[in-house]
């Protein structure tokens, strides 16, 4: 267990790079949609560079502010007898399955809340402001959201006393599935129809990135698809079709969402605009 905890960054980085390269290659060879084009400029290279730098910033921020991460939290709970499964005696396999399912639901719930609570949406909207949809969109999260998400997951891990191995597997699966279902990979339609009964596929999650708010407010899952079906937030197909739908947010339709400084400042723009309006109007 100590070996897994101490080598968690290397294990997760290896899994991340392997899955990222695989999905990037697949969407290059078998693209589902043509790339976004705005103002006559292809933005793919700029987006990838921005999302790559953002990933580095998020990784450094997380390790600096929350060095233990979810796996370290699981080790702490285990060593100190904290959490449900460290108090009651249940088979390891039962604890692992229940912990995995609860963690997955917790991520779904957090995502749903990020759309429903104005303060959280102010942070999360940066993810949706992306003008295109590919494997790098899975990396496009504000550092504030990364930290809030880790605090939420750590709280769940502590409450459950989730097994360390389960937490490590969950983190790898969640990250890998996010890259899979954000990819522009043409997943076979016949397989998609079967797979989405169990997991979130690219065609299923792409709908969540539609500019149509009724579609954005659906398909919140990153991993298991059961939660959207259970809570009736599931949308089967986009109104404009997968190749005709518009990705992003209606009020950000230029190339600014591909600028690193713009996306880092986005959560604070609404507050800045209100302060400016108050100074100008005195209200």
C-alpha atoms as a PDB file:
ATOM      1  CA  UNK A   1       0.000   0.000   0.000  1.00  0.00           C
ATOM      2  CA  UNK A   2       2.822   2.391   0.841  1.00  0.00           C
ATOM      3  CA  UNK A   3       4.365   1.626  -2.545  1.00  0.00           C
ATOM      4  CA  UNK A   4       1.136   2.647  -4.344  1.00  0.00           C
ATOM      5  CA  UNK A   5       0.710   5.791  -2.271  1.00  0.00           C
ATOM      6  CA  UNK A   6       4.301   6.949  -2.749  1.00  0.00           C
ATOM      7  CA  UNK A   7       4.338   6.161  -6.473  1.00  0.00           C
ATOM      8  CA  UNK A   8       0.832   7.421  -7.205  1.00  0.00           C
ATOM      9  CA  UNK A   9       2.030  10.427  -9.288  1.00  0.00           C
ATOM     10  CA  UNK A  10       4.173   8.188 -11.548  1.00  0.00           C
ATOM     11  CA  UNK A  11       1.420   5.584 -11.937  1.00  0.00           C
ATOM     12  CA  UNK A  12      -1.200   8.205 -12.796  1.00  0.00           C
ATOM     13  CA  UNK A  13       1.125  10.111 -15.148  1.00  0.00           C
ATOM     14  CA  UNK A  14       1.976   6.905 -17.039  1.00  0.00           C
ATOM     15  CA  UNK A  15      -1.705   6.037 -17.405  1.00  0.00           C
ATOM     16  CA  UNK A  16      -2.560   9.605 -18.440  1.00  0.00           C
ATOM     17  CA  UNK A  17       0.112   9.799 -21.154  1.00  0.00           C
ATOM     18  CA  UNK A  18      -0.780   6.362 -22.551  1.00  0.00           C
ATOM     19  CA  UNK A  19      -4.494   7.132 -22.788  1.00  0.00           C
ATOM     20  CA  UNK A  20      -3.949  10.658 -24.098  1.00  0.00           C
ATOM     21  CA  UNK A  21      -1.669   9.486 -26.922  1.00  0.00           C
ATOM     22  CA  UNK A  22      -4.091   6.669 -27.813  1.00  0.00           C
ATOM     23  CA  UNK A  23      -7.140   8.974 -27.960  1.00  0.00           C
ATOM     24  CA  UNK A  24      -5.245  11.716 -29.828  1.00  0.00           C
ATOM     25  CA  UNK A  25      -4.180   9.164 -32.439  1.00  0.00           C
ATOM     26  CA  UNK A  26      -7.682   7.728 -32.783  1.00  0.00           C
ATOM     27  CA  UNK A  27      -9.355  11.099 -33.245  1.00  0.00           C
ATOM     28  CA  UNK A  28      -6.701  12.034 -35.798  1.00  0.00           C
ATOM     29  CA  UNK A  29      -7.275   8.825 -37.798  1.00  0.00           C
ATOM     30  CA  UNK A  30     -11.058   8.582 -37.266  1.00  0.00           C
ATOM     31  CA  UNK A  31     -12.481  12.060 -36.522  1.00  0.00           C
ATOM     32  CA  UNK A  32     -16.180  12.406 -35.694  1.00  0.00           C
ATOM     33  CA  UNK A  33     -16.422  16.104 -36.583  1.00  0.00           C
ATOM     34  CA  UNK A  34     -14.398  18.671 -38.500  1.00  0.00           C
ATOM     35  CA  UNK A  35     -12.403  21.095 -36.339  1.00  0.00           C
ATOM     36  CA  UNK A  36     -13.875  24.431 -35.326  1.00  0.00           C
ATOM     37  CA  UNK A  37     -12.984  27.402 -37.497  1.00  0.00           C
ATOM     38  CA  UNK A  38     -13.569  30.988 -36.376  1.00  0.00           C
ATOM     39  CA  UNK A  39     -12.615  34.276 -38.049  1.00  0.00           C
ATOM     40  CA  UNK A  40     -10.847  32.314 -40.771  1.00  0.00           C
ATOM     41  CA  UNK A  41      -8.296  30.945 -38.292  1.00  0.00           C
ATOM     42  CA  UNK A  42      -7.824  27.301 -37.377  1.00  0.00           C
ATOM     43  CA  UNK A  43      -7.590  27.177 -33.601  1.00  0.00           C
ATOM     44  CA  UNK A  44      -6.550  23.589 -32.971  1.00  0.00           C
ATOM     45  CA  UNK A  45      -2.847  24.315 -32.374  1.00  0.00           C
ATOM     46  CA  UNK A  46      -3.609  27.317 -30.165  1.00  0.00           C
ATOM     47  CA  UNK A  47      -6.177  25.378 -28.153  1.00  0.00           C
ATOM     48  CA  UNK A  48      -3.846  22.437 -27.623  1.00  0.00           C
ATOM     49  CA  UNK A  49      -1.023  24.704 -26.463  1.00  0.00           C
ATOM     50  CA  UNK A  50      -3.349  26.559 -24.072  1.00  0.00           C
ATOM     51  CA  UNK A  51      -4.805  23.346 -22.672  1.00  0.00           C
ATOM     52  CA  UNK A  52      -1.347  21.835 -22.303  1.00  0.00           C
ATOM     53  CA  UNK A  53      -0.031  24.811 -20.316  1.00  0.00           C
ATOM     54  CA  UNK A  54      -3.225  24.807 -18.251  1.00  0.00           C
ATOM     55  CA  UNK A  55      -2.669  21.127 -17.394  1.00  0.00           C
ATOM     56  CA  UNK A  56       0.821  21.902 -16.107  1.00  0.00           C
ATOM     57  CA  UNK A  57      -0.520  24.806 -14.024  1.00  0.00           C
ATOM     58  CA  UNK A  58      -3.274  22.614 -12.573  1.00  0.00           C
ATOM     59  CA  UNK A  59      -0.859  19.801 -11.732  1.00  0.00           C
ATOM     60  CA  UNK A  60       1.585  22.114  -9.959  1.00  0.00           C
ATOM     61  CA  UNK A  61      -1.229  23.928  -8.126  1.00  0.00           C
ATOM     62  CA  UNK A  62      -2.806  20.684  -6.937  1.00  0.00           C
ATOM     63  CA  UNK A  63       0.469  19.181  -5.717  1.00  0.00           C
ATOM     64  CA  UNK A  64       1.417  22.412  -3.953  1.00  0.00           C
ATOM     65  CA  UNK A  65      -1.940  23.057  -2.224  1.00  0.00           C
ATOM     66  CA  UNK A  66      -3.130  19.462  -1.819  1.00  0.00           C
ATOM     67  CA  UNK A  67      -0.039  17.210  -1.938  1.00  0.00           C
ATOM     68  CA  UNK A  68      -1.827  14.191  -0.440  1.00  0.00           C
ATOM     69  CA  UNK A  69      -4.513  14.136  -3.145  1.00  0.00           C
ATOM     70  CA  UNK A  70      -7.243  11.470  -3.008  1.00  0.00           C
ATOM     71  CA  UNK A  71      -4.874   8.495  -2.741  1.00  0.00           C
ATOM     72  CA  UNK A  72      -2.923  10.098   0.116  1.00  0.00           C
ATOM     73  CA  UNK A  73      -6.222  10.820   1.843  1.00  0.00           C
ATOM     74  CA  UNK A  74      -7.183   7.139   1.543  1.00  0.00           C
ATOM     75  CA  UNK A  75      -3.846   6.137   3.106  1.00  0.00           C
ATOM     76  CA  UNK A  76      -4.367   8.606   5.958  1.00  0.00           C
ATOM     77  CA  UNK A  77      -7.883   7.253   6.609  1.00  0.00           C
ATOM     78  CA  UNK A  78      -6.584   3.678   6.582  1.00  0.00           C
ATOM     79  CA  UNK A  79      -3.700   4.374   8.964  1.00  0.00           C
ATOM     80  CA  UNK A  80      -5.948   6.245  11.412  1.00  0.00           C
ATOM     81  CA  UNK A  81      -9.028   4.022  11.201  1.00  0.00           C
ATOM     82  CA  UNK A  82     -11.193   6.805   9.782  1.00  0.00           C
ATOM     83  CA  UNK A  83     -14.297   6.185   7.692  1.00  0.00           C
ATOM     84  CA  UNK A  84     -17.092   3.637   7.314  1.00  0.00           C
ATOM     85  CA  UNK A  85     -15.074   0.758   5.852  1.00  0.00           C
ATOM     86  CA  UNK A  86     -12.366   1.146   8.480  1.00  0.00           C
ATOM     87  CA  UNK A  87     -14.974   0.761  11.214  1.00  0.00           C
ATOM     88  CA  UNK A  88     -17.317  -1.956   9.950  1.00  0.00           C
ATOM     89  CA  UNK A  89     -16.130  -5.361   8.796  1.00  0.00           C
ATOM     90  CA  UNK A  90     -17.088  -6.027   5.177  1.00  0.00           C
ATOM     91  CA  UNK A  91     -15.370  -8.021   2.436  1.00  0.00           C
ATOM     92  CA  UNK A  92     -12.761  -5.970   0.579  1.00  0.00           C
ATOM     93  CA  UNK A  93     -14.488  -6.532  -2.773  1.00  0.00           C
ATOM     94  CA  UNK A  94     -17.768  -5.173  -1.385  1.00  0.00           C
ATOM     95  CA  UNK A  95     -16.027  -2.095   0.042  1.00  0.00           C
ATOM     96  CA  UNK A  96     -14.233  -1.562  -3.279  1.00  0.00           C
ATOM     97  CA  UNK A  97     -17.393  -1.761  -5.409  1.00  0.00           C
ATOM     98  CA  UNK A  98     -19.480   0.416  -3.094  1.00  0.00           C
ATOM     99  CA  UNK A  99     -16.698   3.003  -2.758  1.00  0.00           C
ATOM    100  CA  UNK A 100     -16.208   3.156  -6.530  1.00  0.00           C
ATOM    101  CA  UNK A 101     -19.936   3.666  -7.153  1.00  0.00           C
ATOM    102  CA  UNK A 102     -20.283   6.327  -4.454  1.00  0.00           C
ATOM    103  CA  UNK A 103     -17.218   8.204  -5.693  1.00  0.00           C
ATOM    104  CA  UNK A 104     -18.579   8.140  -9.233  1.00  0.00           C
ATOM    105  CA  UNK A 105     -21.957   9.446  -8.072  1.00  0.00           C
ATOM    106  CA  UNK A 106     -20.172  12.151  -6.048  1.00  0.00           C
ATOM    107  CA  UNK A 107     -18.396  13.345  -9.204  1.00  0.00           C
ATOM    108  CA  UNK A 108     -21.706  13.342 -11.105  1.00  0.00           C
ATOM    109  CA  UNK A 109     -23.336  15.327  -8.278  1.00  0.00           C
ATOM    110  CA  UNK A 110     -20.485  17.826  -8.191  1.00  0.00           C
ATOM    111  CA  UNK A 111     -20.791  18.329 -11.942  1.00  0.00           C
ATOM    112  CA  UNK A 112     -24.564  18.823 -11.694  1.00  0.00           C
ATOM    113  CA  UNK A 113     -24.060  21.345  -8.876  1.00  0.00           C
ATOM    114  CA  UNK A 114     -21.480  23.198 -10.992  1.00  0.00           C
ATOM    115  CA  UNK A 115     -24.270  23.970 -13.444  1.00  0.00           C
ATOM    116  CA  UNK A 116     -26.954  24.805 -10.891  1.00  0.00           C
ATOM    117  CA  UNK A 117     -25.100  26.920  -8.304  1.00  0.00           C
ATOM    118  CA  UNK A 118     -24.163  30.346  -9.778  1.00  0.00           C
ATOM    119  CA  UNK A 119     -20.836  30.648  -7.949  1.00  0.00           C
ATOM    120  CA  UNK A 120     -19.724  27.190  -9.118  1.00  0.00           C
ATOM    121  CA  UNK A 121     -20.977  27.820 -12.661  1.00  0.00           C
ATOM    122  CA  UNK A 122     -18.865  30.984 -12.801  1.00  0.00           C
ATOM    123  CA  UNK A 123     -15.825  28.721 -12.396  1.00  0.00           C
ATOM    124  CA  UNK A 124     -17.035  25.737 -14.432  1.00  0.00           C
ATOM    125  CA  UNK A 125     -18.196  27.728 -17.473  1.00  0.00           C
ATOM    126  CA  UNK A 126     -14.557  28.034 -18.560  1.00  0.00           C
ATOM    127  CA  UNK A 127     -14.700  24.319 -19.414  1.00  0.00           C
ATOM    128  CA  UNK A 128     -17.788  24.899 -21.576  1.00  0.00           C
ATOM    129  CA  UNK A 129     -16.424  28.001 -23.268  1.00  0.00           C
ATOM    130  CA  UNK A 130     -14.155  25.817 -25.416  1.00  0.00           C
ATOM    131  CA  UNK A 131     -15.048  26.428 -29.071  1.00  0.00           C
ATOM    132  CA  UNK A 132     -14.299  22.853 -30.072  1.00  0.00           C
ATOM    133  CA  UNK A 133     -14.488  19.384 -28.558  1.00  0.00           C
ATOM    134  CA  UNK A 134     -11.568  16.975 -28.519  1.00  0.00           C
ATOM    135  CA  UNK A 135      -9.362  15.029 -26.102  1.00  0.00           C
ATOM    136  CA  UNK A 136      -7.758  18.236 -24.777  1.00  0.00           C
ATOM    137  CA  UNK A 137     -11.162  19.553 -23.661  1.00  0.00           C
ATOM    138  CA  UNK A 138     -10.924  16.932 -20.894  1.00  0.00           C
ATOM    139  CA  UNK A 139      -7.928  18.878 -19.538  1.00  0.00           C
ATOM    140  CA  UNK A 140      -9.658  22.259 -19.651  1.00  0.00           C
ATOM    141  CA  UNK A 141     -10.585  22.973 -16.035  1.00  0.00           C
ATOM    142  CA  UNK A 142      -9.844  26.045 -13.962  1.00  0.00           C
ATOM    143  CA  UNK A 143      -7.338  25.549 -11.102  1.00  0.00           C
ATOM    144  CA  UNK A 144     -10.068  26.611  -8.654  1.00  0.00           C
ATOM    145  CA  UNK A 145     -12.338  23.839  -9.910  1.00  0.00           C
ATOM    146  CA  UNK A 146      -9.528  21.292  -9.689  1.00  0.00           C
ATOM    147  CA  UNK A 147      -8.935  22.229  -6.032  1.00  0.00           C
ATOM    148  CA  UNK A 148     -12.645  22.243  -5.125  1.00  0.00           C
ATOM    149  CA  UNK A 149     -13.089  18.874  -6.800  1.00  0.00           C
ATOM    150  CA  UNK A 150     -10.180  17.377  -4.883  1.00  0.00           C
ATOM    151  CA  UNK A 151     -11.502  18.684  -1.551  1.00  0.00           C
ATOM    152  CA  UNK A 152     -14.909  17.141  -2.360  1.00  0.00           C
ATOM    153  CA  UNK A 153     -13.407  13.771  -3.319  1.00  0.00           C
ATOM    154  CA  UNK A 154     -11.123  13.762  -0.276  1.00  0.00           C
ATOM    155  CA  UNK A 155     -14.139  14.347   1.978  1.00  0.00           C
ATOM    156  CA  UNK A 156     -15.946  11.374   0.398  1.00  0.00           C
ATOM    157  CA  UNK A 157     -12.831   9.194   0.693  1.00  0.00           C
ATOM    158  CA  UNK A 158     -12.489  10.087   4.380  1.00  0.00           C
ATOM    159  CA  UNK A 159     -16.164   9.486   5.129  1.00  0.00           C
ATOM    160  CA  UNK A 160     -16.087   6.090   3.418  1.00  0.00           C
ATOM    161  CA  UNK A 161     -12.622   5.002   4.473  1.00  0.00           C
ATOM    162  CA  UNK A 162     -12.353   3.970   0.826  1.00  0.00           C
ATOM    163  CA  UNK A 163      -9.680   1.321   0.081  1.00  0.00           C
ATOM    164  CA  UNK A 164      -6.486   2.907  -1.252  1.00  0.00           C
ATOM    165  CA  UNK A 165      -6.324   0.686  -4.337  1.00  0.00           C
ATOM    166  CA  UNK A 166      -9.938   1.516  -5.178  1.00  0.00           C
ATOM    167  CA  UNK A 167      -9.241   5.246  -4.971  1.00  0.00           C
ATOM    168  CA  UNK A 168      -6.185   4.922  -7.220  1.00  0.00           C
ATOM    169  CA  UNK A 169      -8.134   2.855  -9.770  1.00  0.00           C
ATOM    170  CA  UNK A 170     -11.037   5.306  -9.635  1.00  0.00           C
ATOM    171  CA  UNK A 171      -8.772   8.296 -10.277  1.00  0.00           C
ATOM    172  CA  UNK A 172      -7.140   6.574 -13.263  1.00  0.00           C
ATOM    173  CA  UNK A 173     -10.482   5.401 -14.685  1.00  0.00           C
ATOM    174  CA  UNK A 174     -12.109   8.812 -14.201  1.00  0.00           C
ATOM    175  CA  UNK A 175      -9.240  10.603 -15.912  1.00  0.00           C
ATOM    176  CA  UNK A 176      -9.091   8.054 -18.718  1.00  0.00           C
ATOM    177  CA  UNK A 177     -12.848   8.076 -19.292  1.00  0.00           C
ATOM    178  CA  UNK A 178     -12.880  11.885 -19.361  1.00  0.00           C
ATOM    179  CA  UNK A 179     -10.319  11.828 -22.192  1.00  0.00           C
ATOM    180  CA  UNK A 180     -12.276   9.085 -23.963  1.00  0.00           C
ATOM    181  CA  UNK A 181     -15.667  10.767 -23.837  1.00  0.00           C
ATOM    182  CA  UNK A 182     -14.283  14.216 -24.681  1.00  0.00           C
ATOM    183  CA  UNK A 183     -12.451  12.868 -27.718  1.00  0.00           C
ATOM    184  CA  UNK A 184     -13.372  13.584 -31.321  1.00  0.00           C
ATOM    185  CA  UNK A 185     -13.090   9.870 -32.038  1.00  0.00           C
ATOM    186  CA  UNK A 186     -15.699   8.292 -34.328  1.00  0.00           C
ATOM    187  CA  UNK A 187     -16.781   5.553 -31.950  1.00  0.00           C
ATOM    188  CA  UNK A 188     -18.748   2.931 -33.952  1.00  0.00           C
ATOM    189  CA  UNK A 189     -22.450   3.805 -33.723  1.00  0.00           C
ATOM    190  CA  UNK A 190     -23.591   0.231 -33.116  1.00  0.00           C
ATOM    191  CA  UNK A 191     -21.114  -0.055 -30.225  1.00  0.00           C
ATOM    192  CA  UNK A 192     -22.089   3.372 -28.898  1.00  0.00           C
ATOM    193  CA  UNK A 193     -25.721   2.302 -28.587  1.00  0.00           C
ATOM    194  CA  UNK A 194     -24.683  -0.628 -26.394  1.00  0.00           C
ATOM    195  CA  UNK A 195     -21.847   1.024 -24.452  1.00  0.00           C
ATOM    196  CA  UNK A 196     -23.839   4.063 -23.329  1.00  0.00           C
ATOM    197  CA  UNK A 197     -26.120   1.834 -21.267  1.00  0.00           C
ATOM    198  CA  UNK A 198     -23.101   1.425 -18.996  1.00  0.00           C
ATOM    199  CA  UNK A 199     -20.552   4.188 -19.623  1.00  0.00           C
ATOM    200  CA  UNK A 200     -20.444   7.697 -21.054  1.00  0.00           C
ATOM    201  CA  UNK A 201     -19.407   7.677 -24.719  1.00  0.00           C
ATOM    202  CA  UNK A 202     -18.078  10.598 -26.818  1.00  0.00           C
ATOM    203  CA  UNK A 203     -21.426  11.038 -28.606  1.00  0.00           C
ATOM    204  CA  UNK A 204     -23.251  11.058 -25.280  1.00  0.00           C
ATOM    205  CA  UNK A 205     -21.000  13.612 -23.578  1.00  0.00           C
ATOM    206  CA  UNK A 206     -20.614  15.841 -26.637  1.00  0.00           C
ATOM    207  CA  UNK A 207     -24.305  16.755 -26.249  1.00  0.00           C
ATOM    208  CA  UNK A 208     -23.442  18.252 -22.853  1.00  0.00           C
ATOM    209  CA  UNK A 209     -21.163  20.736 -24.660  1.00  0.00           C
ATOM    210  CA  UNK A 210     -23.901  22.001 -26.993  1.00  0.00           C
ATOM    211  CA  UNK A 211     -24.721  25.716 -27.084  1.00  0.00           C
ATOM    212  CA  UNK A 212     -28.374  24.731 -26.573  1.00  0.00           C
ATOM    213  CA  UNK A 213     -28.859  25.093 -22.827  1.00  0.00           C
ATOM    214  CA  UNK A 214     -31.453  22.328 -22.660  1.00  0.00           C
ATOM    215  CA  UNK A 215     -28.748  19.986 -23.978  1.00  0.00           C
ATOM    216  CA  UNK A 216     -25.977  21.499 -21.838  1.00  0.00           C
ATOM    217  CA  UNK A 217     -28.163  20.766 -18.801  1.00  0.00           C
ATOM    218  CA  UNK A 218     -28.034  17.035 -19.465  1.00  0.00           C
ATOM    219  CA  UNK A 219     -25.555  14.137 -19.692  1.00  0.00           C
ATOM    220  CA  UNK A 220     -23.469  15.193 -16.686  1.00  0.00           C
ATOM    221  CA  UNK A 221     -21.684  11.866 -16.300  1.00  0.00           C
ATOM    222  CA  UNK A 222     -17.964  11.408 -16.864  1.00  0.00           C
ATOM    223  CA  UNK A 223     -17.765   7.678 -16.293  1.00  0.00           C
ATOM    224  CA  UNK A 224     -20.920   5.636 -15.572  1.00  0.00           C
ATOM    225  CA  UNK A 225     -24.067   6.620 -17.467  1.00  0.00           C
ATOM    226  CA  UNK A 226     -26.518   5.267 -14.872  1.00  0.00           C
ATOM    227  CA  UNK A 227     -26.768   8.533 -12.935  1.00  0.00           C
ATOM    228  CA  UNK A 228     -28.124  10.558 -15.857  1.00  0.00           C
ATOM    229  CA  UNK A 229     -30.683   7.864 -16.602  1.00  0.00           C
ATOM    230  CA  UNK A 230     -31.624   7.531 -12.941  1.00  0.00           C
ATOM    231  CA  UNK A 231     -32.088  11.285 -12.379  1.00  0.00           C
ATOM    232  CA  UNK A 232     -33.661  11.906 -15.799  1.00  0.00           C
ATOM    233  CA  UNK A 233     -30.919  14.176 -17.090  1.00  0.00           C
ATOM    234  CA  UNK A 234     -30.179  11.929 -20.063  1.00  0.00           C
ATOM    235  CA  UNK A 235     -30.413  13.207 -23.650  1.00  0.00           C
ATOM    236  CA  UNK A 236     -29.986  10.647 -26.395  1.00  0.00           C
ATOM    237  CA  UNK A 237     -29.241  12.853 -29.417  1.00  0.00           C
ATOM    238  CA  UNK A 238     -28.596  16.563 -30.078  1.00  0.00           C
ATOM    239  CA  UNK A 239     -31.318  18.426 -31.961  1.00  0.00           C
ATOM    240  CA  UNK A 240     -28.906  19.556 -34.689  1.00  0.00           C
ATOM    241  CA  UNK A 241     -27.110  16.212 -34.991  1.00  0.00           C
ATOM    242  CA  UNK A 242     -23.558  15.451 -33.919  1.00  0.00           C
ATOM    243  CA  UNK A 243     -21.945  16.900 -37.048  1.00  0.00           C
ATOM    244  CA  UNK A 244     -24.224  19.949 -37.140  1.00  0.00           C
ATOM    245  CA  UNK A 245     -24.381  20.951 -33.485  1.00  0.00           C
ATOM    246  CA  UNK A 246     -22.505  24.013 -32.225  1.00  0.00           C
ATOM    247  CA  UNK A 247     -20.028  23.507 -29.394  1.00  0.00           C
ATOM    248  CA  UNK A 248     -19.422  26.003 -26.602  1.00  0.00           C
ATOM    249  CA  UNK A 249     -21.405  28.870 -25.080  1.00  0.00           C
ATOM    250  CA  UNK A 250     -23.499  31.230 -27.182  1.00  0.00           C
ATOM    251  CA  UNK A 251     -22.077  34.352 -25.547  1.00  0.00           C
ATOM    252  CA  UNK A 252     -18.420  33.398 -26.264  1.00  0.00           C
ATOM    253  CA  UNK A 253     -18.257  32.905 -30.021  1.00  0.00           C
ATOM    254  CA  UNK A 254     -14.806  34.246 -30.913  1.00  0.00           C
ATOM    255  CA  UNK A 255     -11.230  33.050 -30.395  1.00  0.00           C
ATOM    256  CA  UNK A 256     -10.861  34.464 -26.857  1.00  0.00           C
ATOM    257  CA  UNK A 257     -11.792  31.144 -25.174  1.00  0.00           C
ATOM    258  CA  UNK A 258      -8.540  29.750 -26.589  1.00  0.00           C
ATOM    259  CA  UNK A 259      -6.421  32.361 -24.780  1.00  0.00           C
ATOM    260  CA  UNK A 260      -4.838  31.182 -21.516  1.00  0.00           C
ATOM    261  CA  UNK A 261      -5.076  34.486 -19.642  1.00  0.00           C
ATOM    262  CA  UNK A 262      -8.702  34.927 -20.718  1.00  0.00           C
ATOM    263  CA  UNK A 263      -9.780  31.524 -19.413  1.00  0.00           C
ATOM    264  CA  UNK A 264      -7.907  31.946 -16.122  1.00  0.00           C
ATOM    265  CA  UNK A 265      -9.611  35.325 -15.583  1.00  0.00           C
ATOM    266  CA  UNK A 266     -13.089  34.148 -16.612  1.00  0.00           C
ATOM    267  CA  UNK A 267     -14.383  33.198 -13.111  1.00  0.00           C
ATOM    268  CA  UNK A 268     -13.664  36.736 -11.950  1.00  0.00           C
ATOM    269  CA  UNK A 269     -15.084  38.606 -14.940  1.00  0.00           C
ATOM    270  CA  UNK A 270     -18.659  38.750 -13.678  1.00  0.00           C
ATOM    271  CA  UNK A 271     -17.450  40.170 -10.346  1.00  0.00           C
ATOM    272  CA  UNK A 272     -15.198  42.670 -12.119  1.00  0.00           C
ATOM    273  CA  UNK A 273     -18.063  43.780 -14.379  1.00  0.00           C
ATOM    274  CA  UNK A 274     -20.372  44.333 -11.385  1.00  0.00           C
ATOM    275  CA  UNK A 275     -17.721  46.411  -9.558  1.00  0.00           C
ATOM    276  CA  UNK A 276     -17.157  48.506 -12.698  1.00  0.00           C
ATOM    277  CA  UNK A 277     -20.902  49.015 -13.162  1.00  0.00           C
ATOM    278  CA  UNK A 278     -21.255  50.106  -9.534  1.00  0.00           C
ATOM    279  CA  UNK A 279     -18.461  52.673  -9.947  1.00  0.00           C
ATOM    280  CA  UNK A 280     -20.017  54.044 -13.146  1.00  0.00           C
ATOM    281  CA  UNK A 281     -23.648  54.121 -12.003  1.00  0.00           C
ATOM    282  CA  UNK A 282     -23.290  54.421  -8.246  1.00  0.00           C
ATOM    283  CA  UNK A 283     -25.682  51.475  -7.837  1.00  0.00           C
END
